Amino acid sequence: MKTNKKKLEEFIRVDHAGERGAIKIYEGQLLALNTLYKDEELKKTVEEMKVHEKEHCDFFENEIKKRHIKPTRFLPLWDLLGVGLGFGTALLGKKAAMLCTASVEEVIDEHYQNQIEQIHDDEKKLREKIVKFREDELHHKDIAYEKGASKDGFYSLLDKVIKTGSKIAINISEKY
């Protein structure tokens, strides 16, 4: 069975946007951590997770070029919103910064799992990469909770906002 070409293009387009968005969130957090809110341990954690996101983004950037897929038209907006989200959550403190990672990764876990189930053996390499990237994202989620992510009180609302925004960005990026 062949993987649907249109679906494949949507998967690659949205995954590229999402991985780039993750980099921008971490860049925003690092901007705050390097200027206004000093926390060397959090900074180190964010820098380490950003390395994985860069690897993921580079893979999808290459797939976009190789397969002649147009990236989402919304990349400039996602870049701006990602940096803003990262900066804002870091300013709120370690719990909020780590919750941002956990919330996004929980959405991505479901998103990648859905893709894995739809990609057939004709795209085995792509499926294997997405499986590996999903594992990396689950690891980031675990780190976020170990480092203090919380959904108590105000953080419950922040979790919902981040997850809703992530799902909206996914839906838009797949199509446009």
N, C-alpha and C. Protein backbone atom coordinates (compact mmCIF):
# COMPACT_ATOMS: atom_id res chain seq x y z
N MET A 1 0.83 -1.18 0.00
CA MET A 1 0.00 0.00 0.00
C MET A 1 0.88 1.25 0.00
N LYS A 2 0.50 2.23 -0.82
CA LYS A 2 1.27 3.48 -0.92
C LYS A 2 0.68 4.54 0.01
N THR A 3 1.58 5.34 0.56
CA THR A 3 1.15 6.46 1.39
C THR A 3 0.60 7.55 0.48
N ASN A 4 -0.52 8.12 0.86
CA ASN A 4 -1.15 9.19 0.11
C ASN A 4 -0.18 10.37 -0.04
N LYS A 5 0.10 10.76 -1.30
CA LYS A 5 1.09 11.82 -1.59
C LYS A 5 0.70 13.16 -0.96
N LYS A 6 -0.56 13.52 -1.07
CA LYS A 6 -1.03 14.79 -0.49
C LYS A 6 -0.85 14.79 1.02
N LYS A 7 -1.21 13.68 1.66
CA LYS A 7 -1.04 13.55 3.11
C LYS A 7 0.43 13.65 3.49
N LEU A 8 1.27 13.00 2.71
CA LEU A 8 2.71 13.02 2.97
C LEU A 8 3.24 14.45 2.93
N GLU A 9 2.82 15.21 1.94
CA GLU A 9 3.25 16.61 1.84
C GLU A 9 2.77 17.40 3.04
N GLU A 10 1.54 17.16 3.46
CA GLU A 10 1.02 17.85 4.65
C GLU A 10 1.84 17.48 5.89
N PHE A 11 2.15 16.19 6.03
CA PHE A 11 2.93 15.74 7.18
C PHE A 11 4.28 16.45 7.23
N ILE A 12 4.97 16.47 6.11
CA ILE A 12 6.31 17.06 6.07
C ILE A 12 6.23 18.57 6.30
N ARG A 13 5.25 19.22 5.67
CA ARG A 13 5.08 20.67 5.84
C ARG A 13 4.84 21.02 7.31
N VAL A 14 3.90 20.33 7.93
CA VAL A 14 3.56 20.66 9.32
C VAL A 14 4.67 20.26 10.28
N ASP A 15 5.34 19.16 10.03
CA ASP A 15 6.43 18.74 10.92
C ASP A 15 7.60 19.72 10.83
N HIS A 16 7.88 20.19 9.64
CA HIS A 16 8.91 21.21 9.46
C HIS A 16 8.54 22.46 10.27
N ALA A 17 7.31 22.92 10.13
CA ALA A 17 6.86 24.11 10.85
C ALA A 17 6.92 23.89 12.37
N GLY A 18 6.51 22.70 12.80
CA GLY A 18 6.50 22.41 14.23
C GLY A 18 7.88 22.34 14.84
N GLU A 19 8.80 21.71 14.15
CA GLU A 19 10.16 21.61 14.68
C GLU A 19 10.84 22.98 14.68
N ARG A 20 10.56 23.76 13.64
CA ARG A 20 11.10 25.12 13.62
C ARG A 20 10.47 25.94 14.74
N GLY A 21 9.16 25.74 14.97
CA GLY A 21 8.49 26.43 16.05
C GLY A 21 9.10 26.10 17.40
N ALA A 22 9.45 24.83 17.60
CA ALA A 22 10.07 24.42 18.86
C ALA A 22 11.41 25.14 19.06
N ILE A 23 12.18 25.25 17.99
CA ILE A 23 13.45 25.98 18.06
C ILE A 23 13.19 27.43 18.47
N LYS A 24 12.17 28.04 17.88
CA LYS A 24 11.85 29.45 18.19
C LYS A 24 11.39 29.61 19.63
N ILE A 25 10.62 28.64 20.15
CA ILE A 25 10.22 28.70 21.56
C ILE A 25 11.46 28.68 22.44
N TYR A 26 12.37 27.75 22.14
CA TYR A 26 13.59 27.67 22.95
C TYR A 26 14.46 28.91 22.77
N GLU A 27 14.50 29.47 21.58
CA GLU A 27 15.25 30.72 21.38
C GLU A 27 14.66 31.84 22.23
N GLY A 28 13.34 31.91 22.30
CA GLY A 28 12.69 32.91 23.14
C GLY A 28 13.00 32.70 24.61
N GLN A 29 12.98 31.43 25.05
CA GLN A 29 13.32 31.15 26.43
C GLN A 29 14.77 31.53 26.72
N LEU A 30 15.66 31.21 25.80
CA LEU A 30 17.07 31.54 26.00
C LEU A 30 17.29 33.05 26.00
N LEU A 31 16.54 33.78 25.20
CA LEU A 31 16.64 35.24 25.21
C LEU A 31 16.30 35.77 26.60
N ALA A 32 15.20 35.28 27.16
CA ALA A 32 14.82 35.71 28.51
C ALA A 32 15.86 35.27 29.54
N LEU A 33 16.35 34.04 29.40
CA LEU A 33 17.31 33.50 30.36
C LEU A 33 18.68 34.17 30.27
N ASN A 34 18.99 34.75 29.13
CA ASN A 34 20.27 35.43 28.96
C ASN A 34 20.19 36.92 29.30
N THR A 35 18.97 37.43 29.46
CA THR A 35 18.84 38.87 29.70
C THR A 35 18.15 39.23 31.02
N LEU A 36 16.97 38.72 31.24
CA LEU A 36 16.15 39.19 32.36
C LEU A 36 15.98 38.20 33.50
N TYR A 37 16.04 36.93 33.20
CA TYR A 37 15.74 35.91 34.20
C TYR A 37 16.86 34.90 34.19
N LYS A 38 17.79 35.04 35.13
CA LYS A 38 18.97 34.18 35.14
C LYS A 38 18.69 32.87 35.88
N ASP A 39 18.87 31.77 35.15
CA ASP A 39 18.75 30.44 35.74
C ASP A 39 19.62 29.52 34.88
N GLU A 40 20.84 29.33 35.31
CA GLU A 40 21.82 28.58 34.52
C GLU A 40 21.41 27.13 34.29
N GLU A 41 20.80 26.51 35.29
CA GLU A 41 20.38 25.11 35.14
C GLU A 41 19.28 25.00 34.08
N LEU A 42 18.31 25.89 34.14
CA LEU A 42 17.23 25.89 33.15
C LEU A 42 17.78 26.20 31.76
N LYS A 43 18.70 27.13 31.70
CA LYS A 43 19.33 27.49 30.43
C LYS A 43 20.01 26.27 29.80
N LYS A 44 20.73 25.51 30.59
CA LYS A 44 21.41 24.31 30.10
C LYS A 44 20.40 23.28 29.57
N THR A 45 19.31 23.09 30.30
CA THR A 45 18.27 22.15 29.90
C THR A 45 17.66 22.56 28.56
N VAL A 46 17.32 23.83 28.44
CA VAL A 46 16.72 24.36 27.22
C VAL A 46 17.69 24.21 26.04
N GLU A 47 18.94 24.55 26.26
CA GLU A 47 19.94 24.42 25.18
C GLU A 47 20.07 22.98 24.70
N GLU A 48 20.04 22.03 25.62
CA GLU A 48 20.14 20.62 25.24
C GLU A 48 18.94 20.17 24.42
N MET A 49 17.74 20.58 24.82
CA MET A 49 16.54 20.19 24.07
C MET A 49 16.52 20.86 22.69
N LYS A 50 17.03 22.07 22.63
CA LYS A 50 17.06 22.80 21.36
C LYS A 50 17.93 22.06 20.32
N VAL A 51 18.98 21.40 20.76
CA VAL A 51 19.85 20.63 19.86
C VAL A 51 19.04 19.54 19.15
N HIS A 52 18.19 18.83 19.88
CA HIS A 52 17.35 17.80 19.26
C HIS A 52 16.39 18.41 18.25
N GLU A 53 15.79 19.53 18.62
CA GLU A 53 14.83 20.17 17.72
C GLU A 53 15.52 20.62 16.43
N LYS A 54 16.76 21.05 16.55
CA LYS A 54 17.52 21.47 15.36
C LYS A 54 17.75 20.26 14.45
N GLU A 55 18.09 19.12 15.02
CA GLU A 55 18.27 17.89 14.24
C GLU A 55 16.96 17.54 13.51
N HIS A 56 15.86 17.61 14.22
CA HIS A 56 14.56 17.30 13.62
C HIS A 56 14.22 18.29 12.51
N CYS A 57 14.43 19.56 12.78
CA CYS A 57 14.11 20.60 11.79
C CYS A 57 14.97 20.44 10.54
N ASP A 58 16.25 20.17 10.74
CA ASP A 58 17.14 19.98 9.59
C ASP A 58 16.66 18.83 8.70
N PHE A 59 16.21 17.75 9.33
CA PHE A 59 15.70 16.61 8.55
C PHE A 59 14.51 17.05 7.70
N PHE A 60 13.53 17.73 8.31
CA PHE A 60 12.34 18.13 7.56
C PHE A 60 12.64 19.24 6.55
N GLU A 61 13.60 20.08 6.85
CA GLU A 61 14.03 21.11 5.89
C GLU A 61 14.57 20.41 4.64
N ASN A 62 15.35 19.38 4.83
CA ASN A 62 15.90 18.61 3.72
C ASN A 62 14.79 17.91 2.93
N GLU A 63 13.83 17.34 3.63
CA GLU A 63 12.70 16.67 2.97
C GLU A 63 11.88 17.66 2.14
N ILE A 64 11.69 18.84 2.65
CA ILE A 64 10.94 19.88 1.91
C ILE A 64 11.65 20.20 0.60
N LYS A 65 12.95 20.38 0.68
CA LYS A 65 13.74 20.69 -0.53
C LYS A 65 13.76 19.52 -1.50
N LYS A 66 14.06 18.34 -0.98
CA LYS A 66 14.19 17.13 -1.80
C LYS A 66 12.89 16.80 -2.52
N ARG A 67 11.76 16.98 -1.84
CA ARG A 67 10.47 16.60 -2.40
C ARG A 67 9.72 17.77 -3.05
N HIS A 68 10.34 18.94 -3.04
CA HIS A 68 9.74 20.14 -3.64
C HIS A 68 8.38 20.47 -3.02
N ILE A 69 8.36 20.50 -1.69
CA ILE A 69 7.14 20.83 -0.95
C ILE A 69 7.26 22.28 -0.48
N LYS A 70 6.19 23.02 -0.65
CA LYS A 70 6.20 24.40 -0.16
C LYS A 70 6.01 24.40 1.35
N PRO A 71 6.89 25.13 2.07
CA PRO A 71 6.69 25.25 3.51
C PRO A 71 5.40 26.04 3.77
N THR A 72 4.91 25.98 5.00
CA THR A 72 3.73 26.76 5.32
C THR A 72 4.00 28.25 5.11
N ARG A 73 2.98 28.92 4.64
CA ARG A 73 3.08 30.38 4.44
C ARG A 73 3.14 31.11 5.77
N PHE A 74 2.83 30.42 6.83
CA PHE A 74 2.73 31.05 8.14
C PHE A 74 4.04 31.01 8.95
N LEU A 75 5.13 30.54 8.33
CA LEU A 75 6.40 30.44 9.08
C LEU A 75 6.79 31.74 9.78
N PRO A 76 6.70 32.90 9.11
CA PRO A 76 7.10 34.14 9.81
C PRO A 76 6.23 34.41 11.05
N LEU A 77 4.94 34.13 10.96
CA LEU A 77 4.07 34.33 12.11
C LEU A 77 4.39 33.32 13.21
N TRP A 78 4.59 32.05 12.81
CA TRP A 78 4.92 31.03 13.82
C TRP A 78 6.24 31.36 14.51
N ASP A 79 7.21 31.89 13.74
CA ASP A 79 8.50 32.28 14.33
C ASP A 79 8.28 33.32 15.43
N LEU A 80 7.52 34.34 15.09
CA LEU A 80 7.25 35.43 16.03
C LEU A 80 6.51 34.93 17.27
N LEU A 81 5.46 34.14 17.04
CA LEU A 81 4.68 33.61 18.16
C LEU A 81 5.50 32.64 19.02
N GLY A 82 6.35 31.85 18.36
CA GLY A 82 7.19 30.91 19.11
C GLY A 82 8.17 31.64 20.02
N VAL A 83 8.85 32.64 19.49
CA VAL A 83 9.79 33.41 20.31
C VAL A 83 9.03 34.09 21.46
N GLY A 84 7.87 34.65 21.14
CA GLY A 84 7.07 35.31 22.18
C GLY A 84 6.63 34.35 23.27
N LEU A 85 6.15 33.18 22.87
CA LEU A 85 5.72 32.17 23.83
C LEU A 85 6.90 31.73 24.70
N GLY A 86 8.02 31.47 24.08
CA GLY A 86 9.20 31.06 24.85
C GLY A 86 9.67 32.13 25.81
N PHE A 87 9.74 33.36 25.33
CA PHE A 87 10.18 34.48 26.16
C PHE A 87 9.23 34.66 27.34
N GLY A 88 7.93 34.66 27.03
CA GLY A 88 6.93 34.88 28.08
C GLY A 88 6.92 33.79 29.13
N THR A 89 7.00 32.54 28.70
CA THR A 89 6.97 31.46 29.68
C THR A 89 8.24 31.45 30.54
N ALA A 90 9.38 31.79 29.95
CA ALA A 90 10.61 31.84 30.74
C ALA A 90 10.54 32.96 31.77
N LEU A 91 9.94 34.10 31.39
CA LEU A 91 9.80 35.20 32.35
C LEU A 91 8.90 34.83 33.52
N LEU A 92 7.93 33.93 33.26
CA LEU A 92 7.04 33.49 34.34
C LEU A 92 7.74 32.53 35.30
N GLY A 93 8.90 32.02 34.89
CA GLY A 93 9.67 31.16 35.77
C GLY A 93 9.84 29.75 35.24
N LYS A 94 10.58 28.98 35.99
CA LYS A 94 10.96 27.64 35.58
C LYS A 94 9.75 26.73 35.36
N LYS A 95 8.75 26.78 36.28
CA LYS A 95 7.56 25.93 36.13
C LYS A 95 6.86 26.21 34.81
N ALA A 96 6.69 27.49 34.48
CA ALA A 96 5.99 27.86 33.25
C ALA A 96 6.81 27.49 32.01
N ALA A 97 8.09 27.71 32.07
CA ALA A 97 8.96 27.37 30.93
C ALA A 97 8.92 25.87 30.67
N MET A 98 9.00 25.08 31.72
CA MET A 98 8.98 23.63 31.55
C MET A 98 7.58 23.14 31.18
N LEU A 99 6.54 23.82 31.68
CA LEU A 99 5.18 23.45 31.28
C LEU A 99 4.99 23.71 29.79
N CYS A 100 5.58 24.76 29.28
CA CYS A 100 5.49 25.05 27.84
C CYS A 100 6.01 23.85 27.05
N THR A 101 7.17 23.34 27.44
CA THR A 101 7.73 22.16 26.78
C THR A 101 6.79 20.96 26.93
N ALA A 102 6.34 20.70 28.15
CA ALA A 102 5.49 19.53 28.39
C ALA A 102 4.19 19.62 27.59
N SER A 103 3.57 20.78 27.56
CA SER A 103 2.29 20.95 26.86
C SER A 103 2.45 20.74 25.36
N VAL A 104 3.47 21.35 24.79
CA VAL A 104 3.72 21.20 23.36
C VAL A 104 4.03 19.74 23.04
N GLU A 105 4.87 19.12 23.85
CA GLU A 105 5.26 17.73 23.57
C GLU A 105 4.09 16.76 23.70
N GLU A 106 3.15 17.04 24.59
CA GLU A 106 1.96 16.19 24.70
C GLU A 106 1.11 16.25 23.43
N VAL A 107 1.02 17.43 22.83
CA VAL A 107 0.30 17.57 21.56
C VAL A 107 1.08 16.87 20.45
N ILE A 108 2.39 17.04 20.44
CA ILE A 108 3.23 16.45 19.38
C ILE A 108 3.24 14.93 19.48
N ASP A 109 3.22 14.39 20.67
CA ASP A 109 3.16 12.94 20.85
C ASP A 109 1.96 12.38 20.08
N GLU A 110 0.81 12.94 20.30
CA GLU A 110 -0.41 12.48 19.63
C GLU A 110 -0.32 12.72 18.12
N HIS A 111 0.19 13.88 17.76
CA HIS A 111 0.33 14.26 16.34
C HIS A 111 1.25 13.28 15.60
N TYR A 112 2.43 13.01 16.16
CA TYR A 112 3.35 12.10 15.50
C TYR A 112 2.80 10.67 15.47
N GLN A 113 2.16 10.26 16.55
CA GLN A 113 1.60 8.90 16.57
C GLN A 113 0.57 8.74 15.46
N ASN A 114 -0.25 9.74 15.26
CA ASN A 114 -1.26 9.73 14.19
C ASN A 114 -0.57 9.58 12.82
N GLN A 115 0.51 10.31 12.61
CA GLN A 115 1.24 10.22 11.34
C GLN A 115 1.86 8.84 11.16
N ILE A 116 2.47 8.32 12.20
CA ILE A 116 3.13 7.01 12.13
C ILE A 116 2.13 5.96 11.66
N GLU A 117 0.92 6.03 12.14
CA GLU A 117 -0.12 5.07 11.78
C GLU A 117 -0.58 5.19 10.33
N GLN A 118 -0.34 6.35 9.71
CA GLN A 118 -0.79 6.58 8.34
C GLN A 118 0.30 6.42 7.29
N ILE A 119 1.55 6.30 7.72
CA ILE A 119 2.66 6.17 6.77
C ILE A 119 2.94 4.69 6.54
N HIS A 120 2.91 4.30 5.28
CA HIS A 120 3.07 2.89 4.90
C HIS A 120 4.53 2.56 4.60
N ASP A 121 4.78 1.30 4.23
CA ASP A 121 6.14 0.81 4.01
C ASP A 121 6.87 1.48 2.85
N ASP A 122 6.13 2.13 1.95
CA ASP A 122 6.80 2.83 0.85
C ASP A 122 7.55 4.07 1.37
N GLU A 123 7.28 4.47 2.60
CA GLU A 123 7.96 5.62 3.21
C GLU A 123 8.55 5.20 4.57
N LYS A 124 9.20 4.04 4.54
CA LYS A 124 9.73 3.44 5.76
C LYS A 124 10.75 4.36 6.47
N LYS A 125 11.64 4.98 5.70
CA LYS A 125 12.66 5.85 6.29
C LYS A 125 12.01 7.04 7.00
N LEU A 126 11.03 7.64 6.35
CA LEU A 126 10.33 8.77 6.96
C LEU A 126 9.63 8.32 8.24
N ARG A 127 8.94 7.21 8.20
CA ARG A 127 8.23 6.70 9.38
C ARG A 127 9.23 6.45 10.51
N GLU A 128 10.37 5.83 10.20
CA GLU A 128 11.39 5.56 11.22
C GLU A 128 11.90 6.84 11.87
N LYS A 129 12.09 7.88 11.05
CA LYS A 129 12.55 9.17 11.57
C LYS A 129 11.50 9.76 12.50
N ILE A 130 10.25 9.71 12.10
CA ILE A 130 9.18 10.28 12.93
C ILE A 130 9.05 9.49 14.23
N VAL A 131 9.22 8.18 14.18
CA VAL A 131 9.21 7.36 15.40
C VAL A 131 10.33 7.83 16.33
N LYS A 132 11.53 8.02 15.79
CA LYS A 132 12.67 8.47 16.60
C LYS A 132 12.42 9.86 17.17
N PHE A 133 11.90 10.76 16.33
CA PHE A 133 11.65 12.12 16.79
C PHE A 133 10.58 12.13 17.88
N ARG A 134 9.56 11.29 17.74
CA ARG A 134 8.51 11.19 18.77
C ARG A 134 9.14 10.75 20.09
N GLU A 135 10.06 9.80 20.03
CA GLU A 135 10.74 9.35 21.25
C GLU A 135 11.53 10.49 21.90
N ASP A 136 12.20 11.29 21.06
CA ASP A 136 12.93 12.46 21.57
C ASP A 136 11.97 13.42 22.26
N GLU A 137 10.81 13.66 21.64
CA GLU A 137 9.83 14.60 22.20
C GLU A 137 9.27 14.08 23.51
N LEU A 138 9.02 12.77 23.60
CA LEU A 138 8.54 12.19 24.85
C LEU A 138 9.61 12.34 25.95
N HIS A 139 10.87 12.21 25.56
CA HIS A 139 11.96 12.41 26.50
C HIS A 139 11.97 13.86 26.99
N HIS A 140 11.76 14.82 26.09
CA HIS A 140 11.69 16.23 26.49
C HIS A 140 10.56 16.46 27.48
N LYS A 141 9.40 15.83 27.22
CA LYS A 141 8.25 15.96 28.12
C LYS A 141 8.63 15.44 29.52
N ASP A 142 9.28 14.28 29.57
CA ASP A 142 9.70 13.71 30.85
C ASP A 142 10.66 14.65 31.58
N ILE A 143 11.61 15.20 30.84
CA ILE A 143 12.56 16.15 31.44
C ILE A 143 11.81 17.36 32.00
N ALA A 144 10.84 17.86 31.23
CA ALA A 144 10.08 19.04 31.67
C ALA A 144 9.38 18.78 33.00
N TYR A 145 8.77 17.60 33.14
CA TYR A 145 8.12 17.29 34.41
C TYR A 145 9.13 17.08 35.53
N GLU A 146 10.27 16.48 35.22
CA GLU A 146 11.32 16.30 36.23
C GLU A 146 11.86 17.64 36.72
N LYS A 147 11.86 18.63 35.81
CA LYS A 147 12.42 19.94 36.13
C LYS A 147 11.37 20.92 36.67
N GLY A 148 10.15 20.43 36.92
CA GLY A 148 9.20 21.29 37.62
C GLY A 148 7.93 21.70 36.89
N ALA A 149 7.70 21.21 35.68
CA ALA A 149 6.45 21.55 34.99
C ALA A 149 5.28 21.16 35.89
N SER A 150 4.29 22.02 35.91
CA SER A 150 3.13 21.79 36.77
C SER A 150 1.87 22.25 36.06
N LYS A 151 0.76 21.57 36.35
CA LYS A 151 -0.54 21.98 35.81
C LYS A 151 -1.46 22.44 36.93
N ASP A 152 -0.89 22.77 38.07
CA ASP A 152 -1.68 23.23 39.21
C ASP A 152 -2.07 24.70 39.03
N GLY A 153 -3.28 25.03 39.47
CA GLY A 153 -3.74 26.42 39.50
C GLY A 153 -3.66 27.11 38.15
N PHE A 154 -3.00 28.27 38.13
CA PHE A 154 -2.83 29.07 36.92
C PHE A 154 -2.21 28.27 35.78
N TYR A 155 -1.34 27.35 36.12
CA TYR A 155 -0.64 26.57 35.10
C TYR A 155 -1.58 25.69 34.29
N SER A 156 -2.70 25.34 34.88
CA SER A 156 -3.72 24.56 34.15
C SER A 156 -4.24 25.37 32.97
N LEU A 157 -4.49 26.64 33.20
CA LEU A 157 -4.95 27.53 32.13
C LEU A 157 -3.85 27.71 31.06
N LEU A 158 -2.63 27.91 31.50
CA LEU A 158 -1.51 28.05 30.57
C LEU A 158 -1.36 26.81 29.70
N ASP A 159 -1.50 25.63 30.31
CA ASP A 159 -1.44 24.37 29.58
C ASP A 159 -2.50 24.34 28.47
N LYS A 160 -3.71 24.71 28.79
CA LYS A 160 -4.80 24.70 27.80
C LYS A 160 -4.55 25.69 26.67
N VAL A 161 -4.05 26.86 27.00
CA VAL A 161 -3.75 27.88 25.98
C VAL A 161 -2.66 27.38 25.04
N ILE A 162 -1.60 26.84 25.59
CA ILE A 162 -0.48 26.35 24.78
C ILE A 162 -0.94 25.19 23.88
N LYS A 163 -1.68 24.26 24.44
CA LYS A 163 -2.15 23.11 23.65
C LYS A 163 -3.11 23.54 22.55
N THR A 164 -4.01 24.45 22.87
CA THR A 164 -4.96 24.93 21.85
C THR A 164 -4.21 25.65 20.74
N GLY A 165 -3.28 26.51 21.09
CA GLY A 165 -2.47 27.22 20.09
C GLY A 165 -1.68 26.26 19.22
N SER A 166 -1.12 25.23 19.83
CA SER A 166 -0.34 24.24 19.07
C SER A 166 -1.23 23.49 18.08
N LYS A 167 -2.41 23.10 18.52
CA LYS A 167 -3.33 22.38 17.63
C LYS A 167 -3.80 23.26 16.48
N ILE A 168 -4.07 24.52 16.75
CA ILE A 168 -4.47 25.45 15.69
C ILE A 168 -3.33 25.60 14.67
N ALA A 169 -2.11 25.78 15.17
CA ALA A 169 -0.95 25.92 14.28
C ALA A 169 -0.76 24.68 13.42
N ILE A 170 -0.97 23.50 14.00
CA ILE A 170 -0.86 22.24 13.25
C ILE A 170 -1.88 22.21 12.12
N ASN A 171 -3.13 22.50 12.46
CA ASN A 171 -4.20 22.45 11.45
C ASN A 171 -3.96 23.44 10.32
N ILE A 172 -3.52 24.62 10.63
CA ILE A 172 -3.27 25.63 9.59
C ILE A 172 -2.04 25.23 8.76
N SER A 173 -0.98 24.80 9.41
CA SER A 173 0.27 24.49 8.70
C SER A 173 0.14 23.29 7.76
N GLU A 174 -0.73 22.34 8.09
CA GLU A 174 -0.91 21.21 7.18
C GLU A 174 -1.43 21.67 5.83
N LYS A 175 -2.33 22.62 5.84
CA LYS A 175 -3.04 23.03 4.62
C LYS A 175 -2.42 24.20 3.88
N TYR A 176 -1.84 25.11 4.63
CA TYR A 176 -1.37 26.37 4.02
C TYR A 176 0.11 26.57 4.24
